[in-house]
N, C-alpha and C. Protein backbone atom coordinates (compact mmCIF):
# COMPACT_ATOMS: atom_id res chain seq x y z
N MET A 1 -3.27 5.70 24.76
CA MET A 1 -2.70 6.84 24.10
C MET A 1 -2.85 8.05 25.01
N ARG A 2 -1.76 8.71 25.22
CA ARG A 2 -1.78 9.91 26.04
C ARG A 2 -2.12 11.12 25.17
N ASP A 3 -2.97 11.98 25.68
CA ASP A 3 -3.33 13.22 24.99
C ASP A 3 -2.25 14.25 25.33
N ASP A 4 -1.06 14.03 24.76
CA ASP A 4 0.12 14.79 25.15
C ASP A 4 0.77 15.55 23.99
N GLY A 5 0.00 15.83 22.97
CA GLY A 5 0.55 16.55 21.83
C GLY A 5 0.92 15.65 20.67
N GLY A 6 0.86 14.34 20.86
CA GLY A 6 1.20 13.39 19.81
C GLY A 6 -0.03 12.91 19.07
N PHE A 7 -0.01 11.61 18.75
CA PHE A 7 -1.07 11.02 17.94
C PHE A 7 -2.46 11.24 18.53
N ALA A 8 -2.63 10.99 19.83
CA ALA A 8 -3.96 11.12 20.44
C ALA A 8 -4.48 12.56 20.35
N THR A 9 -3.61 13.52 20.56
CA THR A 9 -4.02 14.92 20.47
C THR A 9 -4.40 15.27 19.04
N ASN A 10 -3.58 14.83 18.09
CA ASN A 10 -3.89 15.08 16.68
C ASN A 10 -5.24 14.45 16.31
N LEU A 11 -5.47 13.25 16.77
CA LEU A 11 -6.72 12.56 16.49
C LEU A 11 -7.90 13.33 17.10
N ARG A 12 -7.75 13.76 18.33
CA ARG A 12 -8.81 14.49 19.02
C ARG A 12 -9.13 15.80 18.29
N ILE A 13 -8.11 16.51 17.85
CA ILE A 13 -8.32 17.79 17.18
C ILE A 13 -8.82 17.58 15.76
N ASP A 14 -8.16 16.70 15.01
CA ASP A 14 -8.46 16.52 13.59
C ASP A 14 -9.75 15.74 13.35
N LYS A 15 -9.98 14.69 14.12
CA LYS A 15 -11.11 13.81 13.85
C LYS A 15 -12.30 14.02 14.79
N LEU A 16 -12.06 14.60 15.96
CA LEU A 16 -13.14 14.80 16.93
C LEU A 16 -13.47 16.27 17.12
N GLY A 17 -13.02 17.10 16.19
CA GLY A 17 -13.37 18.52 16.24
C GLY A 17 -12.81 19.27 17.43
N GLY A 18 -11.75 18.74 18.04
CA GLY A 18 -11.14 19.40 19.19
C GLY A 18 -11.85 19.15 20.50
N LEU A 19 -12.93 18.38 20.46
CA LEU A 19 -13.65 18.07 21.70
C LEU A 19 -12.77 17.23 22.62
N PRO A 20 -12.92 17.38 23.92
CA PRO A 20 -12.11 16.57 24.84
C PRO A 20 -12.57 15.12 24.83
N PHE A 21 -11.65 14.24 25.20
CA PHE A 21 -12.03 12.86 25.42
C PHE A 21 -12.96 12.82 26.64
N SER A 22 -13.68 11.74 26.80
CA SER A 22 -14.59 11.55 27.92
C SER A 22 -13.85 11.74 29.25
N ALA A 23 -14.59 12.18 30.27
CA ALA A 23 -14.01 12.32 31.61
C ALA A 23 -13.52 10.97 32.13
N LYS A 24 -14.04 9.89 31.59
CA LYS A 24 -13.63 8.55 32.01
C LYS A 24 -12.48 8.01 31.16
N TYR A 25 -11.96 8.84 30.27
CA TYR A 25 -10.84 8.46 29.42
C TYR A 25 -9.65 8.09 30.28
N GLU A 26 -9.04 6.98 29.98
CA GLU A 26 -7.87 6.52 30.72
C GLU A 26 -6.77 6.18 29.73
N ALA A 27 -5.68 6.93 29.78
CA ALA A 27 -4.54 6.65 28.92
C ALA A 27 -3.77 5.47 29.49
N LEU A 28 -3.55 4.47 28.67
CA LEU A 28 -2.79 3.30 29.10
C LEU A 28 -1.48 3.25 28.33
N PRO A 29 -0.45 2.63 28.91
CA PRO A 29 0.88 2.70 28.31
C PRO A 29 1.04 2.04 26.95
N THR A 30 0.34 0.93 26.71
CA THR A 30 0.56 0.21 25.45
C THR A 30 -0.75 -0.18 24.80
N ARG A 31 -0.68 -0.48 23.55
CA ARG A 31 -1.83 -0.97 22.80
C ARG A 31 -2.37 -2.25 23.43
N GLU A 32 -1.46 -3.13 23.87
CA GLU A 32 -1.87 -4.38 24.49
C GLU A 32 -2.64 -4.12 25.79
N ASP A 33 -2.23 -3.09 26.54
CA ASP A 33 -2.95 -2.72 27.76
C ASP A 33 -4.37 -2.24 27.44
N VAL A 34 -4.50 -1.49 26.37
CA VAL A 34 -5.83 -1.00 25.96
C VAL A 34 -6.71 -2.19 25.58
N ILE A 35 -6.17 -3.10 24.78
CA ILE A 35 -6.95 -4.26 24.35
C ILE A 35 -7.35 -5.11 25.55
N ALA A 36 -6.44 -5.31 26.50
CA ALA A 36 -6.76 -6.09 27.70
C ALA A 36 -7.83 -5.40 28.53
N ALA A 37 -7.75 -4.07 28.66
CA ALA A 37 -8.75 -3.33 29.44
C ALA A 37 -10.13 -3.44 28.80
N VAL A 38 -10.19 -3.33 27.49
CA VAL A 38 -11.47 -3.45 26.79
C VAL A 38 -12.01 -4.87 26.94
N ALA A 39 -11.14 -5.85 26.83
CA ALA A 39 -11.57 -7.25 26.96
C ALA A 39 -12.16 -7.54 28.33
N ASN A 40 -11.71 -6.79 29.34
CA ASN A 40 -12.17 -7.02 30.71
C ASN A 40 -13.29 -6.09 31.16
N ASP A 41 -13.83 -5.28 30.24
CA ASP A 41 -14.90 -4.34 30.57
C ASP A 41 -16.01 -4.49 29.54
N VAL A 42 -17.13 -5.03 29.95
CA VAL A 42 -18.22 -5.29 29.02
C VAL A 42 -18.68 -4.02 28.29
N TYR A 43 -18.47 -2.84 28.88
CA TYR A 43 -18.84 -1.58 28.25
C TYR A 43 -17.64 -0.83 27.70
N GLY A 44 -16.49 -1.47 27.69
CA GLY A 44 -15.26 -0.80 27.29
C GLY A 44 -15.17 -0.51 25.80
N ILE A 45 -14.63 0.64 25.50
CA ILE A 45 -14.31 1.03 24.13
C ILE A 45 -12.88 1.53 24.17
N GLY A 46 -12.06 1.05 23.28
CA GLY A 46 -10.66 1.46 23.27
C GLY A 46 -10.27 2.12 21.98
N LEU A 47 -9.25 2.92 22.05
CA LEU A 47 -8.71 3.61 20.89
C LEU A 47 -7.21 3.45 20.95
N THR A 48 -6.65 2.89 19.89
CA THR A 48 -5.19 2.72 19.84
C THR A 48 -4.68 3.31 18.54
N GLY A 49 -3.38 3.39 18.46
CA GLY A 49 -2.77 3.73 17.19
C GLY A 49 -2.87 2.52 16.28
N TRP A 50 -1.92 2.32 15.44
CA TRP A 50 -1.92 1.22 14.48
C TRP A 50 -2.19 -0.11 15.17
N VAL A 51 -3.07 -0.87 14.58
CA VAL A 51 -3.32 -2.23 15.04
C VAL A 51 -3.66 -3.07 13.81
N ASN A 52 -3.05 -4.21 13.72
CA ASN A 52 -3.38 -5.13 12.64
C ASN A 52 -4.65 -5.86 13.06
N ALA A 53 -5.78 -5.44 12.53
CA ALA A 53 -7.07 -5.98 12.95
C ALA A 53 -7.13 -7.50 12.81
N ALA A 54 -6.47 -8.04 11.81
CA ALA A 54 -6.51 -9.49 11.59
C ALA A 54 -5.77 -10.25 12.68
N LYS A 55 -4.86 -9.58 13.37
CA LYS A 55 -4.06 -10.24 14.40
C LYS A 55 -4.47 -9.82 15.82
N THR A 56 -5.56 -9.09 15.94
CA THR A 56 -6.01 -8.61 17.24
C THR A 56 -6.68 -9.73 18.02
N SER A 57 -6.54 -9.69 19.31
CA SER A 57 -7.13 -10.69 20.20
C SER A 57 -8.60 -10.93 19.88
N THR A 58 -9.01 -12.18 19.94
CA THR A 58 -10.42 -12.51 19.72
C THR A 58 -11.28 -12.12 20.92
N ASP A 59 -10.66 -11.61 21.98
CA ASP A 59 -11.41 -11.15 23.16
C ASP A 59 -12.07 -9.79 22.93
N VAL A 60 -11.71 -9.13 21.84
CA VAL A 60 -12.29 -7.82 21.51
C VAL A 60 -12.69 -7.83 20.03
N ARG A 61 -13.53 -6.88 19.67
CA ARG A 61 -13.90 -6.71 18.26
C ARG A 61 -13.34 -5.39 17.76
N VAL A 62 -12.79 -5.41 16.57
CA VAL A 62 -12.37 -4.18 15.91
C VAL A 62 -13.57 -3.70 15.12
N LEU A 63 -14.02 -2.49 15.43
CA LEU A 63 -15.24 -1.97 14.81
C LEU A 63 -14.94 -1.22 13.52
N PRO A 64 -15.65 -1.55 12.46
CA PRO A 64 -15.53 -0.73 11.25
C PRO A 64 -16.23 0.60 11.50
N LEU A 65 -15.75 1.64 10.86
CA LEU A 65 -16.32 2.98 11.03
C LEU A 65 -16.65 3.58 9.67
N SER A 66 -17.55 4.53 9.69
CA SER A 66 -17.92 5.27 8.49
C SER A 66 -17.66 6.75 8.73
N GLU A 67 -17.24 7.43 7.69
CA GLU A 67 -17.00 8.87 7.78
C GLU A 67 -18.30 9.62 8.08
N LYS A 68 -19.40 9.14 7.50
CA LYS A 68 -20.70 9.78 7.74
C LYS A 68 -21.79 8.73 7.83
N SER A 69 -22.89 9.12 8.40
CA SER A 69 -24.02 8.22 8.58
C SER A 69 -24.45 7.61 7.25
N GLY A 70 -24.58 6.29 7.23
CA GLY A 70 -25.00 5.60 6.02
C GLY A 70 -23.90 5.34 5.02
N GLY A 71 -22.69 5.86 5.30
CA GLY A 71 -21.57 5.66 4.39
C GLY A 71 -20.99 4.26 4.51
N PRO A 72 -20.07 3.92 3.63
CA PRO A 72 -19.47 2.59 3.69
C PRO A 72 -18.62 2.43 4.95
N LEU A 73 -18.71 1.26 5.55
CA LEU A 73 -17.92 0.96 6.75
C LEU A 73 -16.52 0.53 6.34
N LYS A 74 -15.54 1.05 7.03
CA LYS A 74 -14.14 0.73 6.75
C LYS A 74 -13.47 0.25 8.03
N THR A 75 -12.54 -0.67 7.88
CA THR A 75 -11.79 -1.19 9.03
C THR A 75 -10.38 -0.62 9.01
N PRO A 76 -9.68 -0.71 10.15
CA PRO A 76 -8.31 -0.20 10.17
C PRO A 76 -7.32 -1.20 9.60
N ASP A 77 -7.69 -1.85 8.48
CA ASP A 77 -6.72 -2.75 7.86
C ASP A 77 -5.77 -1.93 6.99
N TYR A 78 -4.70 -2.55 6.59
CA TYR A 78 -3.65 -1.85 5.86
C TYR A 78 -4.18 -1.14 4.62
N ASN A 79 -4.99 -1.83 3.83
CA ASN A 79 -5.46 -1.25 2.57
C ASN A 79 -6.37 -0.04 2.79
N ASP A 80 -7.28 -0.12 3.76
CA ASP A 80 -8.16 1.02 4.03
C ASP A 80 -7.37 2.20 4.59
N VAL A 81 -6.42 1.92 5.45
CA VAL A 81 -5.59 3.00 6.01
C VAL A 81 -4.74 3.63 4.90
N ALA A 82 -4.11 2.79 4.07
CA ALA A 82 -3.26 3.29 2.98
C ALA A 82 -4.06 4.14 1.99
N ALA A 83 -5.31 3.77 1.78
CA ALA A 83 -6.16 4.52 0.85
C ALA A 83 -6.77 5.77 1.49
N GLY A 84 -6.53 5.95 2.80
CA GLY A 84 -7.13 7.09 3.51
C GLY A 84 -8.63 6.91 3.70
N ALA A 85 -9.11 5.67 3.55
CA ALA A 85 -10.55 5.40 3.65
C ALA A 85 -11.02 5.18 5.07
N TYR A 86 -10.12 4.76 5.95
CA TYR A 86 -10.51 4.55 7.34
C TYR A 86 -10.63 5.91 8.02
N PRO A 87 -11.77 6.23 8.63
CA PRO A 87 -11.99 7.58 9.15
C PRO A 87 -10.98 8.07 10.19
N LEU A 88 -10.33 7.18 10.89
CA LEU A 88 -9.36 7.62 11.90
C LEU A 88 -7.92 7.56 11.40
N SER A 89 -7.73 7.35 10.10
CA SER A 89 -6.38 7.38 9.53
C SER A 89 -5.77 8.75 9.78
N ALA A 90 -4.50 8.77 10.07
CA ALA A 90 -3.82 10.04 10.33
C ALA A 90 -2.49 10.07 9.59
N TYR A 91 -2.10 11.24 9.17
CA TYR A 91 -0.82 11.41 8.51
C TYR A 91 0.26 11.73 9.54
N LEU A 92 1.47 11.39 9.20
CA LEU A 92 2.63 11.80 9.97
C LEU A 92 3.01 13.19 9.45
N HIS A 93 3.09 14.15 10.33
CA HIS A 93 3.43 15.51 9.94
C HIS A 93 4.89 15.77 10.25
N LEU A 94 5.61 16.33 9.28
CA LEU A 94 6.99 16.74 9.49
C LEU A 94 7.01 18.27 9.55
N TYR A 95 7.60 18.80 10.60
CA TYR A 95 7.68 20.24 10.78
C TYR A 95 9.13 20.68 10.70
N VAL A 96 9.36 21.82 10.04
CA VAL A 96 10.71 22.38 9.97
C VAL A 96 10.64 23.83 10.41
N ASP A 97 11.76 24.31 10.91
CA ASP A 97 11.86 25.70 11.35
C ASP A 97 12.35 26.52 10.15
N ARG A 98 11.43 27.24 9.52
CA ARG A 98 11.77 28.04 8.34
C ARG A 98 11.30 29.46 8.58
N VAL A 99 12.17 30.40 8.33
CA VAL A 99 11.80 31.81 8.44
C VAL A 99 10.77 32.11 7.34
N PRO A 100 9.62 32.68 7.70
CA PRO A 100 8.60 32.97 6.69
C PRO A 100 9.18 33.79 5.54
N GLY A 101 8.86 33.37 4.32
CA GLY A 101 9.33 34.06 3.14
C GLY A 101 10.72 33.66 2.69
N GLN A 102 11.41 32.87 3.49
CA GLN A 102 12.76 32.42 3.15
C GLN A 102 12.71 31.00 2.59
N LYS A 103 13.70 30.66 1.80
CA LYS A 103 13.82 29.30 1.27
C LYS A 103 14.28 28.37 2.38
N LEU A 104 13.96 27.10 2.22
CA LEU A 104 14.50 26.09 3.14
C LEU A 104 16.01 26.01 2.96
N THR A 105 16.70 25.68 4.04
CA THR A 105 18.14 25.47 3.89
C THR A 105 18.34 24.23 3.01
N PRO A 106 19.41 24.17 2.25
CA PRO A 106 19.64 23.01 1.38
C PRO A 106 19.63 21.68 2.15
N PHE A 107 20.19 21.67 3.36
CA PHE A 107 20.23 20.43 4.14
C PHE A 107 18.82 19.95 4.47
N ILE A 108 17.96 20.85 4.94
CA ILE A 108 16.58 20.48 5.30
C ILE A 108 15.81 20.05 4.06
N LYS A 109 15.97 20.79 2.97
CA LYS A 109 15.25 20.43 1.75
C LYS A 109 15.66 19.04 1.27
N GLU A 110 16.95 18.75 1.34
CA GLU A 110 17.42 17.42 0.91
C GLU A 110 16.91 16.33 1.84
N TYR A 111 16.83 16.61 3.12
CA TYR A 111 16.28 15.65 4.08
C TYR A 111 14.82 15.33 3.73
N LEU A 112 14.04 16.36 3.44
CA LEU A 112 12.64 16.16 3.08
C LEU A 112 12.51 15.44 1.73
N ARG A 113 13.43 15.74 0.80
CA ARG A 113 13.43 15.01 -0.47
C ARG A 113 13.66 13.52 -0.22
N LEU A 114 14.56 13.21 0.70
CA LEU A 114 14.81 11.81 1.04
C LEU A 114 13.53 11.16 1.57
N ALA A 115 12.84 11.83 2.47
CA ALA A 115 11.60 11.27 3.03
C ALA A 115 10.57 11.03 1.94
N LEU A 116 10.56 11.88 0.92
CA LEU A 116 9.57 11.76 -0.15
C LEU A 116 10.09 10.99 -1.36
N SER A 117 11.32 10.51 -1.29
CA SER A 117 11.89 9.74 -2.40
C SER A 117 11.31 8.33 -2.40
N ASP A 118 11.53 7.62 -3.50
CA ASP A 118 11.09 6.22 -3.56
C ASP A 118 11.77 5.40 -2.46
N GLU A 119 13.06 5.69 -2.21
CA GLU A 119 13.79 4.97 -1.16
C GLU A 119 13.23 5.30 0.22
N GLY A 120 12.91 6.57 0.44
CA GLY A 120 12.34 6.97 1.72
C GLY A 120 10.99 6.33 1.96
N GLN A 121 10.18 6.28 0.93
CA GLN A 121 8.86 5.65 1.06
C GLN A 121 8.99 4.14 1.27
N GLN A 122 10.05 3.54 0.70
CA GLN A 122 10.27 2.11 0.94
C GLN A 122 10.64 1.88 2.41
N LEU A 123 11.42 2.78 3.00
CA LEU A 123 11.73 2.67 4.43
C LEU A 123 10.45 2.73 5.26
N VAL A 124 9.54 3.59 4.87
CA VAL A 124 8.25 3.68 5.56
C VAL A 124 7.48 2.37 5.37
N ARG A 125 7.42 1.90 4.13
CA ARG A 125 6.71 0.66 3.81
C ARG A 125 7.26 -0.51 4.63
N ASP A 126 8.57 -0.52 4.84
CA ASP A 126 9.21 -1.60 5.61
C ASP A 126 8.77 -1.62 7.07
N GLN A 127 8.17 -0.54 7.55
CA GLN A 127 7.71 -0.45 8.94
C GLN A 127 6.26 -0.90 9.11
N ARG A 128 5.71 -1.51 8.09
CA ARG A 128 4.30 -1.93 8.12
C ARG A 128 3.96 -2.76 9.36
N GLU A 129 4.80 -3.68 9.72
CA GLU A 129 4.50 -4.56 10.85
C GLU A 129 5.13 -4.09 12.16
N SER A 130 5.72 -2.90 12.16
CA SER A 130 6.30 -2.37 13.39
C SER A 130 5.19 -1.92 14.33
N GLU A 131 5.55 -1.58 15.55
CA GLU A 131 4.55 -1.13 16.52
C GLU A 131 3.82 0.11 16.02
N GLU A 132 4.53 1.00 15.34
CA GLU A 132 3.90 2.22 14.84
C GLU A 132 3.08 1.95 13.59
N GLY A 133 3.50 0.98 12.77
CA GLY A 133 2.74 0.59 11.59
C GLY A 133 2.60 1.66 10.54
N TYR A 134 3.68 2.28 10.14
CA TYR A 134 3.60 3.35 9.15
C TYR A 134 3.15 2.83 7.79
N VAL A 135 2.49 3.69 7.04
CA VAL A 135 2.00 3.39 5.70
C VAL A 135 2.54 4.47 4.78
N PRO A 136 3.13 4.10 3.65
CA PRO A 136 3.65 5.12 2.74
C PRO A 136 2.52 5.94 2.12
N LEU A 137 2.88 7.09 1.60
CA LEU A 137 1.90 7.95 0.94
C LEU A 137 1.40 7.31 -0.35
N SER A 138 0.18 7.61 -0.71
CA SER A 138 -0.34 7.16 -2.01
C SER A 138 0.42 7.91 -3.10
N ALA A 139 0.35 7.42 -4.32
CA ALA A 139 1.05 8.07 -5.43
C ALA A 139 0.59 9.52 -5.59
N ALA A 140 -0.71 9.76 -5.47
CA ALA A 140 -1.24 11.13 -5.62
C ALA A 140 -0.75 12.03 -4.49
N ASP A 141 -0.80 11.53 -3.25
CA ASP A 141 -0.33 12.33 -2.11
C ASP A 141 1.17 12.58 -2.21
N LEU A 142 1.91 11.57 -2.64
CA LEU A 142 3.36 11.71 -2.77
C LEU A 142 3.70 12.78 -3.80
N GLN A 143 3.03 12.76 -4.95
CA GLN A 143 3.27 13.76 -5.98
C GLN A 143 2.94 15.16 -5.47
N ARG A 144 1.83 15.29 -4.78
CA ARG A 144 1.40 16.59 -4.24
C ARG A 144 2.43 17.11 -3.23
N GLU A 145 2.93 16.25 -2.35
CA GLU A 145 3.91 16.67 -1.35
C GLU A 145 5.24 17.02 -2.00
N ARG A 146 5.64 16.29 -3.02
CA ARG A 146 6.88 16.62 -3.74
C ARG A 146 6.77 17.98 -4.41
N GLU A 147 5.62 18.26 -4.99
CA GLU A 147 5.42 19.57 -5.63
C GLU A 147 5.44 20.69 -4.59
N LYS A 148 4.83 20.47 -3.44
CA LYS A 148 4.85 21.49 -2.38
C LYS A 148 6.28 21.74 -1.91
N LEU A 149 7.05 20.66 -1.77
CA LEU A 149 8.44 20.80 -1.32
C LEU A 149 9.25 21.62 -2.32
N GLU A 150 9.10 21.34 -3.59
CA GLU A 150 9.89 22.06 -4.59
C GLU A 150 9.52 23.53 -4.66
N ALA A 151 8.33 23.88 -4.22
CA ALA A 151 7.90 25.28 -4.22
C ALA A 151 8.47 26.05 -3.02
N LEU A 152 9.03 25.34 -2.05
CA LEU A 152 9.56 26.01 -0.85
C LEU A 152 10.97 26.52 -1.08
């Protein structure tokens, strides 16, 4: 993962308090490259985006993590990620260009409604096994986001 403003940067800022990655951090092009590098380095630790832990190479171990010391350990499996229980779970953020104090344009608002609709969430759900591995919002998060959208 490249620390280039995308997922890795968001993870570093949101989950690591903005601290830089180690000086020995090496961004590799693909998840498979990261897994292979870790498998070939007895001291290697890798960080990837979505990975189906059950289908990961037996040459590496997927480590469960806890949000705090002594807390329950969670793995990056679909259910823990969907529940927001895995400490490195991250949301997809959608940004729009809106003049402060102004309403969203009807086109943009309708686009966001589509993303938050049942059909839009099904499109996200259908990407479960894709390389990105998107997970739809929980019912509570979906309701909260719909309410925020309608207030714009």
